PDB file of N, CA and C in Angstrom:
ATOM      1  N   MET A   1     -41.939 -35.052  60.143  1.00  0.00           N
ATOM      2  CA  MET A   1     -42.438 -36.086  61.029  1.00  0.00           C
ATOM      3  C   MET A   1     -43.731 -35.668  61.719  1.00  0.00           C
ATOM      4  N   LEU A   2     -43.962 -34.380  61.833  1.00  0.00           N
ATOM      5  CA  LEU A   2     -45.157 -33.919  62.531  1.00  0.00           C
ATOM      6  C   LEU A   2     -46.376 -33.859  61.615  1.00  0.00           C
ATOM      7  N   LYS A   3     -46.149 -33.796  60.319  1.00  0.00           N
ATOM      8  CA  LYS A   3     -47.262 -33.759  59.375  1.00  0.00           C
ATOM      9  C   LYS A   3     -47.830 -35.157  59.159  1.00  0.00           C
ATOM     10  N   ASN A   4     -49.092 -35.197  58.770  1.00  0.00           N
ATOM     11  CA  ASN A   4     -49.668 -36.465  58.336  1.00  0.00           C
ATOM     12  C   ASN A   4     -49.028 -36.853  57.014  1.00  0.00           C
ATOM     13  N   PHE A   5     -48.782 -38.132  56.841  1.00  0.00           N
ATOM     14  CA  PHE A   5     -48.082 -38.613  55.647  1.00  0.00           C
ATOM     15  C   PHE A   5     -48.796 -38.201  54.369  1.00  0.00           C
ATOM     16  N   ASP A   6     -50.127 -38.228  54.367  1.00  0.00           N
ATOM     17  CA  ASP A   6     -50.878 -37.905  53.156  1.00  0.00           C
ATOM     18  C   ASP A   6     -50.831 -36.422  52.796  1.00  0.00           C
ATOM     19  N   LYS A   7     -50.291 -35.582  53.689  1.00  0.00           N
ATOM     20  CA  LYS A   7     -50.204 -34.145  53.407  1.00  0.00           C
ATOM     21  C   LYS A   7     -48.787 -33.699  53.057  1.00  0.00           C
ATOM     22  N   LEU A   8     -47.875 -34.641  52.912  1.00  0.00           N
ATOM     23  CA  LEU A   8     -46.499 -34.311  52.566  1.00  0.00           C
ATOM     24  C   LEU A   8     -46.378 -34.032  51.075  1.00  0.00           C
ATOM     25  N   THR A   9     -45.477 -33.107  50.735  1.00  0.00           N
ATOM     26  CA  THR A   9     -45.145 -32.893  49.330  1.00  0.00           C
ATOM     27  C   THR A   9     -44.292 -34.071  48.872  1.00  0.00           C
ATOM     28  N   ASP A  10     -44.070 -34.182  47.585  1.00  0.00           N
ATOM     29  CA  ASP A  10     -43.236 -35.272  47.067  1.00  0.00           C
ATOM     30  C   ASP A  10     -41.830 -35.217  47.664  1.00  0.00           C
ATOM     31  N   LYS A  11     -41.267 -34.014  47.768  1.00  0.00           N
ATOM     32  CA  LYS A  11     -39.926 -33.849  48.332  1.00  0.00           C
ATOM     33  C   LYS A  11     -39.920 -34.248  49.805  1.00  0.00           C
ATOM     34  N   GLN A  12     -40.940 -33.820  50.558  1.00  0.00           N
ATOM     35  CA  GLN A  12     -41.031 -34.179  51.969  1.00  0.00           C
ATOM     36  C   GLN A  12     -41.232 -35.681  52.143  1.00  0.00           C
ATOM     37  N   ARG A  13     -42.021 -36.273  51.264  1.00  0.00           N
ATOM     38  CA  ARG A  13     -42.268 -37.719  51.343  1.00  0.00           C
ATOM     39  C   ARG A  13     -40.977 -38.504  51.104  1.00  0.00           C
ATOM     40  N   ALA A  14     -40.176 -38.060  50.138  1.00  0.00           N
ATOM     41  CA  ALA A  14     -38.910 -38.739  49.852  1.00  0.00           C
ATOM     42  C   ALA A  14     -37.961 -38.624  51.054  1.00  0.00           C
ATOM     43  N   LYS A  15     -37.894 -37.454  51.658  1.00  0.00           N
ATOM     44  CA  LYS A  15     -37.045 -37.250  52.834  1.00  0.00           C
ATOM     45  C   LYS A  15     -37.538 -38.096  53.999  1.00  0.00           C
ATOM     46  N   PHE A  16     -38.848 -38.155  54.162  1.00  0.00           N
ATOM     47  CA  PHE A  16     -39.456 -38.950  55.224  1.00  0.00           C
ATOM     48  C   PHE A  16     -39.084 -40.427  55.076  1.00  0.00           C
ATOM     49  N   ILE A  17     -39.185 -40.938  53.871  1.00  0.00           N
ATOM     50  CA  ILE A  17     -38.857 -42.340  53.613  1.00  0.00           C
ATOM     51  C   ILE A  17     -37.379 -42.594  53.903  1.00  0.00           C
ATOM     52  N   GLU A  18     -36.534 -41.647  53.509  1.00  0.00           N
ATOM     53  CA  GLU A  18     -35.092 -41.778  53.766  1.00  0.00           C
ATOM     54  C   GLU A  18     -34.810 -41.820  55.276  1.00  0.00           C
ATOM     55  N   ILE A  19     -35.439 -40.932  56.023  1.00  0.00           N
ATOM     56  CA  ILE A  19     -35.237 -40.897  57.475  1.00  0.00           C
ATOM     57  C   ILE A  19     -35.734 -42.195  58.101  1.00  0.00           C
ATOM     58  N   ASN A  20     -36.888 -42.663  57.653  1.00  0.00           N
ATOM     59  CA  ASN A  20     -37.445 -43.903  58.208  1.00  0.00           C
ATOM     60  C   ASN A  20     -36.539 -45.094  57.951  1.00  0.00           C
ATOM     61  N   GLN A  21     -35.859 -45.110  56.829  1.00  0.00           N
ATOM     62  CA  GLN A  21     -34.970 -46.220  56.521  1.00  0.00           C
ATOM     63  C   GLN A  21     -33.672 -46.142  57.319  1.00  0.00           C
ATOM     64  N   ASP A  22     -33.218 -44.915  57.582  1.00  0.00           N
ATOM     65  CA  ASP A  22     -31.931 -44.723  58.255  1.00  0.00           C
ATOM     66  C   ASP A  22     -32.026 -44.680  59.774  1.00  0.00           C
ATOM     67  N   ASN A  23     -33.175 -44.305  60.311  1.00  0.00           N
ATOM     68  CA  ASN A  23     -33.288 -44.097  61.747  1.00  0.00           C
ATOM     69  C   ASN A  23     -34.479 -44.863  62.297  1.00  0.00           C
ATOM     70  N   LEU A  24     -34.214 -46.063  62.776  1.00  0.00           N
ATOM     71  CA  LEU A  24     -35.269 -46.946  63.253  1.00  0.00           C
ATOM     72  C   LEU A  24     -36.038 -46.343  64.433  1.00  0.00           C
ATOM     73  N   LEU A  25     -35.349 -45.686  65.367  1.00  0.00           N
ATOM     74  CA  LEU A  25     -36.039 -45.107  66.518  1.00  0.00           C
ATOM     75  C   LEU A  25     -36.999 -43.996  66.095  1.00  0.00           C
ATOM     76  N   THR A  26     -36.565 -43.161  65.164  1.00  0.00           N
ATOM     77  CA  THR A  26     -37.437 -42.099  64.665  1.00  0.00           C
ATOM     78  C   THR A  26     -38.651 -42.702  63.976  1.00  0.00           C
ATOM     79  N   ALA A  27     -38.428 -43.731  63.185  1.00  0.00           N
ATOM     80  CA  ALA A  27     -39.527 -44.397  62.489  1.00  0.00           C
ATOM     81  C   ALA A  27     -40.509 -45.004  63.486  1.00  0.00           C
ATOM     82  N   ARG A  28     -39.992 -45.620  64.533  1.00  0.00           N
ATOM     83  CA  ARG A  28     -40.863 -46.220  65.541  1.00  0.00           C
ATOM     84  C   ARG A  28     -41.661 -45.149  66.290  1.00  0.00           C
ATOM     85  N   ALA A  29     -41.008 -44.032  66.610  1.00  0.00           N
ATOM     86  CA  ALA A  29     -41.698 -42.942  67.315  1.00  0.00           C
ATOM     87  C   ALA A  29     -42.809 -42.377  66.436  1.00  0.00           C
ATOM     88  N   TRP A  30     -42.528 -42.211  65.146  1.00  0.00           N
ATOM     89  CA  TRP A  30     -43.551 -41.699  64.230  1.00  0.00           C
ATOM     90  C   TRP A  30     -44.740 -42.663  64.175  1.00  0.00           C
ATOM     91  N   LYS A  31     -44.450 -43.947  64.112  1.00  0.00           N
ATOM     92  CA  LYS A  31     -45.524 -44.947  64.063  1.00  0.00           C
ATOM     93  C   LYS A  31     -46.359 -44.905  65.348  1.00  0.00           C
ATOM     94  N   MET A  32     -45.718 -44.699  66.477  1.00  0.00           N
ATOM     95  CA  MET A  32     -46.460 -44.582  67.734  1.00  0.00           C
ATOM     96  C   MET A  32     -47.409 -43.382  67.693  1.00  0.00           C
ATOM     97  N   LYS A  33     -46.927 -42.277  67.139  1.00  0.00           N
ATOM     98  CA  LYS A  33     -47.769 -41.085  66.999  1.00  0.00           C
ATOM     99  C   LYS A  33     -48.959 -41.378  66.089  1.00  0.00           C
ATOM    100  N   GLU A  34     -48.685 -42.008  64.971  1.00  0.00           N
ATOM    101  CA  GLU A  34     -49.757 -42.354  64.041  1.00  0.00           C
ATOM    102  C   GLU A  34     -50.748 -43.319  64.679  1.00  0.00           C
ATOM    103  N   ASN A  35     -50.241 -44.290  65.412  1.00  0.00           N
ATOM    104  CA  ASN A  35     -51.125 -45.235  66.092  1.00  0.00           C
ATOM    105  C   ASN A  35     -52.022 -44.524  67.090  1.00  0.00           C
ATOM    106  N   PHE A  36     -51.479 -43.542  67.801  1.00  0.00           N
ATOM    107  CA  PHE A  36     -52.300 -42.814  68.765  1.00  0.00           C
ATOM    108  C   PHE A  36     -53.478 -42.129  68.077  1.00  0.00           C
ATOM    109  N   MET A  37     -53.238 -41.563  66.914  1.00  0.00           N
ATOM    110  CA  MET A  37     -54.293 -40.820  66.210  1.00  0.00           C
ATOM    111  C   MET A  37     -55.488 -41.706  65.869  1.00  0.00           C
ATOM    112  N   GLU A  38     -55.280 -43.003  65.824  1.00  0.00           N
ATOM    113  CA  GLU A  38     -56.374 -43.940  65.548  1.00  0.00           C
ATOM    114  C   GLU A  38     -57.456 -43.896  66.619  1.00  0.00           C
ATOM    115  N   ILE A  39     -57.135 -43.386  67.796  1.00  0.00           N
ATOM    116  CA  ILE A  39     -58.128 -43.314  68.865  1.00  0.00           C
ATOM    117  C   ILE A  39     -59.338 -42.488  68.430  1.00  0.00           C
ATOM    118  N   PHE A  40     -59.109 -41.512  67.571  1.00  0.00           N
ATOM    119  CA  PHE A  40     -60.187 -40.628  67.136  1.00  0.00           C
ATOM    120  C   PHE A  40     -61.101 -41.280  66.102  1.00  0.00           C
ATOM    121  N   ASN A  41     -60.769 -42.481  65.676  1.00  0.00           N
ATOM    122  CA  ASN A  41     -61.634 -43.244  64.773  1.00  0.00           C
ATOM    123  C   ASN A  41     -62.518 -44.228  65.533  1.00  0.00           C
ATOM    124  N   LYS A  42     -62.355 -44.287  66.838  1.00  0.00           N
ATOM    125  CA  LYS A  42     -63.165 -45.200  67.649  1.00  0.00           C
ATOM    126  C   LYS A  42     -64.560 -44.616  67.823  1.00  0.00           C
ATOM    127  N   GLU A  43     -65.549 -45.496  67.814  1.00  0.00           N
ATOM    128  CA  GLU A  43     -66.937 -45.024  67.832  1.00  0.00           C
ATOM    129  C   GLU A  43     -67.536 -44.936  69.224  1.00  0.00           C
ATOM    130  N   THR A  44     -66.976 -45.660  70.184  1.00  0.00           N
ATOM    131  CA  THR A  44     -67.538 -45.617  71.526  1.00  0.00           C
ATOM    132  C   THR A  44     -66.453 -45.249  72.528  1.00  0.00           C
ATOM    133  N   VAL A  45     -66.906 -44.774  73.667  1.00  0.00           N
ATOM    134  CA  VAL A  45     -65.992 -44.422  74.742  1.00  0.00           C
ATOM    135  C   VAL A  45     -65.226 -45.657  75.206  1.00  0.00           C
ATOM    136  N   GLU A  46     -65.905 -46.774  75.266  1.00  0.00           N
ATOM    137  CA  GLU A  46     -65.268 -48.017  75.704  1.00  0.00           C
ATOM    138  C   GLU A  46     -64.156 -48.441  74.749  1.00  0.00           C
ATOM    139  N   GLU A  47     -64.429 -48.364  73.450  1.00  0.00           N
ATOM    140  CA  GLU A  47     -63.405 -48.715  72.458  1.00  0.00           C
ATOM    141  C   GLU A  47     -62.215 -47.769  72.564  1.00  0.00           C
ATOM    142  N   ALA A  48     -62.500 -46.485  72.701  1.00  0.00           N
ATOM    143  CA  ALA A  48     -61.437 -45.487  72.785  1.00  0.00           C
ATOM    144  C   ALA A  48     -60.597 -45.690  74.039  1.00  0.00           C
ATOM    145  N   SER A  49     -61.252 -45.962  75.157  1.00  0.00           N
ATOM    146  CA  SER A  49     -60.530 -46.174  76.418  1.00  0.00           C
ATOM    147  C   SER A  49     -59.641 -47.411  76.334  1.00  0.00           C
ATOM    148  N   ALA A  50     -60.167 -48.489  75.799  1.00  0.00           N
ATOM    149  CA  ALA A  50     -59.386 -49.718  75.653  1.00  0.00           C
ATOM    150  C   ALA A  50     -58.219 -49.494  74.691  1.00  0.00           C
ATOM    151  N   TYR A  51     -58.462 -48.758  73.611  1.00  0.00           N
ATOM    152  CA  TYR A  51     -57.411 -48.474  72.644  1.00  0.00           C
ATOM    153  C   TYR A  51     -56.306 -47.640  73.297  1.00  0.00           C
ATOM    154  N   PHE A  52     -56.703 -46.615  74.049  1.00  0.00           N
ATOM    155  CA  PHE A  52     -55.731 -45.769  74.731  1.00  0.00           C
ATOM    156  C   PHE A  52     -54.861 -46.611  75.660  1.00  0.00           C
ATOM    157  N   ASP A  53     -55.502 -47.459  76.462  1.00  0.00           N
ATOM    158  CA  ASP A  53     -54.761 -48.298  77.413  1.00  0.00           C
ATOM    159  C   ASP A  53     -53.761 -49.200  76.702  1.00  0.00           C
ATOM    160  N   SER A  54     -54.176 -49.781  75.587  1.00  0.00           N
ATOM    161  CA  SER A  54     -53.290 -50.656  74.819  1.00  0.00           C
ATOM    162  C   SER A  54     -52.129 -49.853  74.230  1.00  0.00           C
ATOM    163  N   TRP A  55     -52.440 -48.693  73.650  1.00  0.00           N
ATOM    164  CA  TRP A  55     -51.400 -47.833  73.073  1.00  0.00           C
ATOM    165  C   TRP A  55     -50.411 -47.417  74.158  1.00  0.00           C
ATOM    166  N   TYR A  56     -50.917 -46.985  75.289  1.00  0.00           N
ATOM    167  CA  TYR A  56     -50.078 -46.540  76.397  1.00  0.00           C
ATOM    168  C   TYR A  56     -49.126 -47.653  76.847  1.00  0.00           C
ATOM    169  N   GLU A  57     -49.673 -48.833  77.017  1.00  0.00           N
ATOM    170  CA  GLU A  57     -48.861 -49.974  77.463  1.00  0.00           C
ATOM    171  C   GLU A  57     -47.736 -50.266  76.482  1.00  0.00           C
ATOM    172  N   ASN A  58     -48.048 -50.234  75.190  1.00  0.00           N
ATOM    173  CA  ASN A  58     -47.017 -50.486  74.174  1.00  0.00           C
ATOM    174  C   ASN A  58     -45.931 -49.424  74.194  1.00  0.00           C
ATOM    175  N   VAL A  59     -46.322 -48.173  74.370  1.00  0.00           N
ATOM    176  CA  VAL A  59     -45.337 -47.090  74.348  1.00  0.00           C
ATOM    177  C   VAL A  59     -44.438 -47.144  75.573  1.00  0.00           C
ATOM    178  N   VAL A  60     -45.010 -47.343  76.755  1.00  0.00           N
ATOM    179  CA  VAL A  60     -44.162 -47.344  77.959  1.00  0.00           C
ATOM    180  C   VAL A  60     -43.243 -48.565  78.011  1.00  0.00           C
ATOM    181  N   LYS A  61     -43.549 -49.596  77.260  1.00  0.00           N
ATOM    182  CA  LYS A  61     -42.663 -50.755  77.167  1.00  0.00           C
ATOM    183  C   LYS A  61     -41.543 -50.539  76.147  1.00  0.00           C
ATOM    184  N   SER A  62     -41.652 -49.484  75.347  1.00  0.00           N
ATOM    185  CA  SER A  62     -40.631 -49.221  74.329  1.00  0.00           C
ATOM    186  C   SER A  62     -39.381 -48.664  74.994  1.00  0.00           C
ATOM    187  N   ASN A  63     -38.322 -48.572  74.213  1.00  0.00           N
ATOM    188  CA  ASN A  63     -37.087 -47.987  74.738  1.00  0.00           C
ATOM    189  C   ASN A  63     -36.891 -46.568  74.214  1.00  0.00           C
ATOM    190  N   ILE A  64     -37.970 -45.911  73.877  1.00  0.00           N
ATOM    191  CA  ILE A  64     -37.904 -44.548  73.347  1.00  0.00           C
ATOM    192  C   ILE A  64     -38.398 -43.596  74.439  1.00  0.00           C
ATOM    193  N   GLU A  65     -37.447 -43.052  75.171  1.00  0.00           N
ATOM    194  CA  GLU A  65     -37.764 -42.242  76.347  1.00  0.00           C
ATOM    195  C   GLU A  65     -38.666 -41.037  76.050  1.00  0.00           C
ATOM    196  N   PRO A  66     -38.427 -40.284  74.965  1.00  0.00           N
ATOM    197  CA  PRO A  66     -39.322 -39.156  74.703  1.00  0.00           C
ATOM    198  C   PRO A  66     -40.778 -39.598  74.484  1.00  0.00           C
ATOM    199  N   MET A  67     -40.970 -40.747  73.856  1.00  0.00           N
ATOM    200  CA  MET A  67     -42.337 -41.243  73.644  1.00  0.00           C
ATOM    201  C   MET A  67     -42.953 -41.707  74.959  1.00  0.00           C
ATOM    202  N   LYS A  68     -42.137 -42.272  75.838  1.00  0.00           N
ATOM    203  CA  LYS A  68     -42.646 -42.656  77.156  1.00  0.00           C
ATOM    204  C   LYS A  68     -43.145 -41.420  77.901  1.00  0.00           C
ATOM    205  N   LYS A  69     -42.374 -40.344  77.786  1.00  0.00           N
ATOM    206  CA  LYS A  69     -42.757 -39.093  78.445  1.00  0.00           C
ATOM    207  C   LYS A  69     -44.070 -38.556  77.871  1.00  0.00           C
ATOM    208  N   VAL A  70     -44.206 -38.611  76.563  1.00  0.00           N
ATOM    209  CA  VAL A  70     -45.450 -38.174  75.913  1.00  0.00           C
ATOM    210  C   VAL A  70     -46.621 -39.034  76.383  1.00  0.00           C
ATOM    211  N   ALA A  71     -46.424 -40.333  76.425  1.00  0.00           N
ATOM    212  CA  ALA A  71     -47.497 -41.242  76.848  1.00  0.00           C
ATOM    213  C   ALA A  71     -47.931 -40.945  78.281  1.00  0.00           C
ATOM    214  N   LYS A  72     -46.969 -40.705  79.152  1.00  0.00           N
ATOM    215  CA  LYS A  72     -47.312 -40.398  80.543  1.00  0.00           C
ATOM    216  C   LYS A  72     -48.057 -39.072  80.642  1.00  0.00           C
ATOM    217  N   THR A  73     -47.655 -38.097  79.846  1.00  0.00           N
ATOM    218  CA  THR A  73     -48.368 -36.820  79.824  1.00  0.00           C
ATOM    219  C   THR A  73     -49.791 -37.015  79.320  1.00  0.00           C
ATOM    220  N   LEU A  74     -49.941 -37.745  78.232  1.00  0.00           N
ATOM    221  CA  LEU A  74     -51.276 -37.983  77.681  1.00  0.00           C
ATOM    222  C   LEU A  74     -52.160 -38.763  78.647  1.00  0.00           C
ATOM    223  N   SER A  75     -51.559 -39.625  79.447  1.00  0.00           N
ATOM    224  CA  SER A  75     -52.373 -40.388  80.401  1.00  0.00           C
ATOM    225  C   SER A  75     -53.023 -39.462  81.425  1.00  0.00           C
ATOM    226  N   ASN A  76     -52.376 -38.321  81.697  1.00  0.00           N
ATOM    227  CA  ASN A  76     -52.973 -37.334  82.604  1.00  0.00           C
ATOM    228  C   ASN A  76     -54.218 -36.682  81.991  1.00  0.00           C
ATOM    229  N   TYR A  77     -54.323 -36.729  80.676  1.00  0.00           N
ATOM    230  CA  TYR A  77     -55.442 -36.099  79.965  1.00  0.00           C
ATOM    231  C   TYR A  77     -56.367 -37.112  79.320  1.00  0.00           C
ATOM    232  N   LYS A  78     -56.261 -38.355  79.742  1.00  0.00           N
ATOM    233  CA  LYS A  78     -57.053 -39.425  79.122  1.00  0.00           C
ATOM    234  C   LYS A  78     -58.545 -39.107  79.133  1.00  0.00           C
ATOM    235  N   SER A  79     -59.064 -38.652  80.247  1.00  0.00           N
ATOM    236  CA  SER A  79     -60.514 -38.388  80.308  1.00  0.00           C
ATOM    237  C   SER A  79     -60.911 -37.299  79.321  1.00  0.00           C
ATOM    238  N   GLY A  80     -60.085 -36.279  79.164  1.00  0.00           N
ATOM    239  CA  GLY A  80     -60.377 -35.231  78.186  1.00  0.00           C
ATOM    240  C   GLY A  80     -60.322 -35.752  76.759  1.00  0.00           C
ATOM    241  N   ILE A  81     -59.353 -36.603  76.481  1.00  0.00           N
ATOM    242  CA  ILE A  81     -59.222 -37.204  75.154  1.00  0.00           C
ATOM    243  C   ILE A  81     -60.448 -38.068  74.859  1.00  0.00           C
ATOM    244  N   ILE A  82     -60.873 -38.845  75.840  1.00  0.00           N
ATOM    245  CA  ILE A  82     -62.043 -39.706  75.671  1.00  0.00           C
ATOM    246  C   ILE A  82     -63.299 -38.854  75.482  1.00  0.00           C
ATOM    247  N   ASN A  83     -63.377 -37.713  76.176  1.00  0.00           N
ATOM    248  CA  ASN A  83     -64.536 -36.829  76.027  1.00  0.00           C
ATOM    249  C   ASN A  83     -64.654 -36.261  74.611  1.00  0.00           C
ATOM    250  N   ILE A  84     -63.526 -36.116  73.933  1.00  0.00           N
ATOM    251  CA  ILE A  84     -63.571 -35.670  72.536  1.00  0.00           C
ATOM    252  C   ILE A  84     -64.391 -36.651  71.709  1.00  0.00           C
ATOM    253  N   ILE A  85     -64.217 -37.927  71.980  1.00  0.00           N
ATOM    254  CA  ILE A  85     -64.968 -38.958  71.267  1.00  0.00           C
ATOM    255  C   ILE A  85     -66.410 -38.999  71.762  1.00  0.00           C
ATOM    256  N   LYS A  86     -66.574 -38.933  73.065  1.00  0.00           N
ATOM    257  CA  LYS A  86     -67.904 -39.022  73.668  1.00  0.00           C
ATOM    258  C   LYS A  86     -68.818 -37.901  73.181  1.00  0.00           C
ATOM    259  N   TYR A  87     -68.292 -36.690  73.154  1.00  0.00           N
ATOM    260  CA  TYR A  87     -69.121 -35.533  72.803  1.00  0.00           C
ATOM    261  C   TYR A  87     -68.893 -35.039  71.377  1.00  0.00           C
ATOM    262  N   GLU A  88     -68.089 -35.787  70.616  1.00  0.00           N
ATOM    263  CA  GLU A  88     -67.791 -35.441  69.221  1.00  0.00           C
ATOM    264  C   GLU A  88     -67.326 -33.994  69.103  1.00  0.00           C
ATOM    265  N   ILE A  89     -66.348 -33.660  69.933  1.00  0.00           N
ATOM    266  CA  ILE A  89     -65.812 -32.303  69.989  1.00  0.00           C
ATOM    267  C   ILE A  89     -64.737 -32.137  68.917  1.00  0.00           C
ATOM    268  N   ASN A  90     -64.767 -30.978  68.276  1.00  0.00           N
ATOM    269  CA  ASN A  90     -63.659 -30.612  67.401  1.00  0.00           C
ATOM    270  C   ASN A  90     -63.491 -29.099  67.457  1.00  0.00           C
ATOM    271  N   ASN A  91     -62.437 -28.604  66.864  1.00  0.00           N
ATOM    272  CA  ASN A  91     -62.154 -27.174  66.940  1.00  0.00           C
ATOM    273  C   ASN A  91     -62.381 -26.462  65.611  1.00  0.00           C
ATOM    274  N   THR A  92     -63.270 -26.979  64.803  1.00  0.00           N
ATOM    275  CA  THR A  92     -63.524 -26.395  63.487  1.00  0.00           C
ATOM    276  C   THR A  92     -63.954 -24.938  63.589  1.00  0.00           C
ATOM    277  N   LYS A  93     -64.905 -24.648  64.467  1.00  0.00           N
ATOM    278  CA  LYS A  93     -65.395 -23.266  64.598  1.00  0.00           C
ATOM    279  C   LYS A  93     -64.288 -22.333  65.077  1.00  0.00           C
ATOM    280  N   ALA A  94     -63.493 -22.781  66.035  1.00  0.00           N
ATOM    281  CA  ALA A  94     -62.404 -21.947  66.545  1.00  0.00           C
ATOM    282  C   ALA A  94     -61.385 -21.673  65.447  1.00  0.00           C
ATOM    283  N   GLU A  95     -61.042 -22.696  64.666  1.00  0.00           N
ATOM    284  CA  GLU A  95     -60.085 -22.512  63.571  1.00  0.00           C
ATOM    285  C   GLU A  95     -60.630 -21.556  62.519  1.00  0.00           C
ATOM    286  N   ARG A  96     -61.905 -21.685  62.199  1.00  0.00           N
ATOM    287  CA  ARG A  96     -62.534 -20.792  61.224  1.00  0.00           C
ATOM    288  C   ARG A  96     -62.487 -19.346  61.742  1.00  0.00           C
ATOM    289  N   PHE A  97     -62.813 -19.152  63.021  1.00  0.00           N
ATOM    290  CA  PHE A  97     -62.801 -17.830  63.629  1.00  0.00           C
ATOM    291  C   PHE A  97     -61.388 -17.247  63.613  1.00  0.00           C
ATOM    292  N   ASN A  98     -60.387 -18.053  63.957  1.00  0.00           N
ATOM    293  CA  ASN A  98     -58.995 -17.593  63.918  1.00  0.00           C
ATOM    294  C   ASN A  98     -58.585 -17.192  62.505  1.00  0.00           C
ATOM    295  N   GLY A  99     -59.055 -17.947  61.529  1.00  0.00           N
ATOM    296  CA  GLY A  99     -58.767 -17.616  60.134  1.00  0.00           C
ATOM    297  C   GLY A  99     -59.363 -16.280  59.739  1.00  0.00           C
ATOM    298  N   LEU A 100     -60.575 -16.008  60.199  1.00  0.00           N
ATOM    299  CA  LEU A 100     -61.217 -14.717  59.912  1.00  0.00           C
ATOM    300  C   LEU A 100     -60.449 -13.570  60.563  1.00  0.00           C
ATOM    301  N   ILE A 101     -59.983 -13.765  61.773  1.00  0.00           N
ATOM    302  CA  ILE A 101     -59.197 -12.734  62.462  1.00  0.00           C
ATOM    303  C   ILE A 101     -57.917 -12.453  61.686  1.00  0.00           C
ATOM    304  N   LYS A 102     -57.222 -13.505  61.260  1.00  0.00           N
ATOM    305  CA  LYS A 102     -55.987 -13.331  60.483  1.00  0.00           C
ATOM    306  C   LYS A 102     -56.273 -12.587  59.178  1.00  0.00           C
ATOM    307  N   ARG A 103     -57.384 -12.930  58.563  1.00  0.00           N
ATOM    308  CA  ARG A 103     -57.752 -12.275  57.300  1.00  0.00           C
ATOM    309  C   ARG A 103     -58.028 -10.804  57.522  1.00  0.00           C
ATOM    310  N   LEU A 104     -58.758 -10.475  58.596  1.00  0.00           N
ATOM    311  CA  LEU A 104     -59.041  -9.070  58.915  1.00  0.00           C
ATOM    312  C   LEU A 104     -57.757  -8.307  59.207  1.00  0.00           C
ATOM    313  N   ASN A 105     -56.840  -8.924  59.939  1.00  0.00           N
ATOM    314  CA  ASN A 105     -55.550  -8.281  60.221  1.00  0.00           C
ATOM    315  C   ASN A 105     -54.785  -8.026  58.927  1.00  0.00           C
ATOM    316  N   HIS A 106     -54.824  -8.967  58.017  1.00  0.00           N
ATOM    317  CA  HIS A 106     -54.123  -8.814  56.750  1.00  0.00           C
ATOM    318  C   HIS A 106     -54.725  -7.661  55.936  1.00  0.00           C
ATOM    319  N   ILE A 107     -56.045  -7.616  55.909  1.00  0.00           N
ATOM    320  CA  ILE A 107     -56.735  -6.544  55.170  1.00  0.00           C
ATOM    321  C   ILE A 107     -56.435  -5.181  55.791  1.00  0.00           C
ATOM    322  N   ALA A 108     -56.448  -5.144  57.135  1.00  0.00           N
ATOM    323  CA  ALA A 108     -56.188  -3.865  57.830  1.00  0.00           C
ATOM    324  C   ALA A 108     -54.768  -3.427  57.569  1.00  0.00           C
TER     325      ALA A 108
END
């Protein structure tokens, strides 16, 4: 459930589909997570802010308490999330650096 659907193996995809068919709440929570990720496709701060507000409202109206808790936590970081879009921030360099450190440790 934590992986992106397009990165699942065939076996994981089959299990995912089975869970989604059997557990409506889990399926809804996964969809909420996927919907949130769409914020990073917004081109302007205004679009991202409006999208966040709409997503937040939908989640807190749901009957899925863990997702409500996540939404409330994310609302505390809304400005930081919006700044990712505003300043086009990503962690590519940090991930690359961490990979080099792991590689050096492996070699050592």
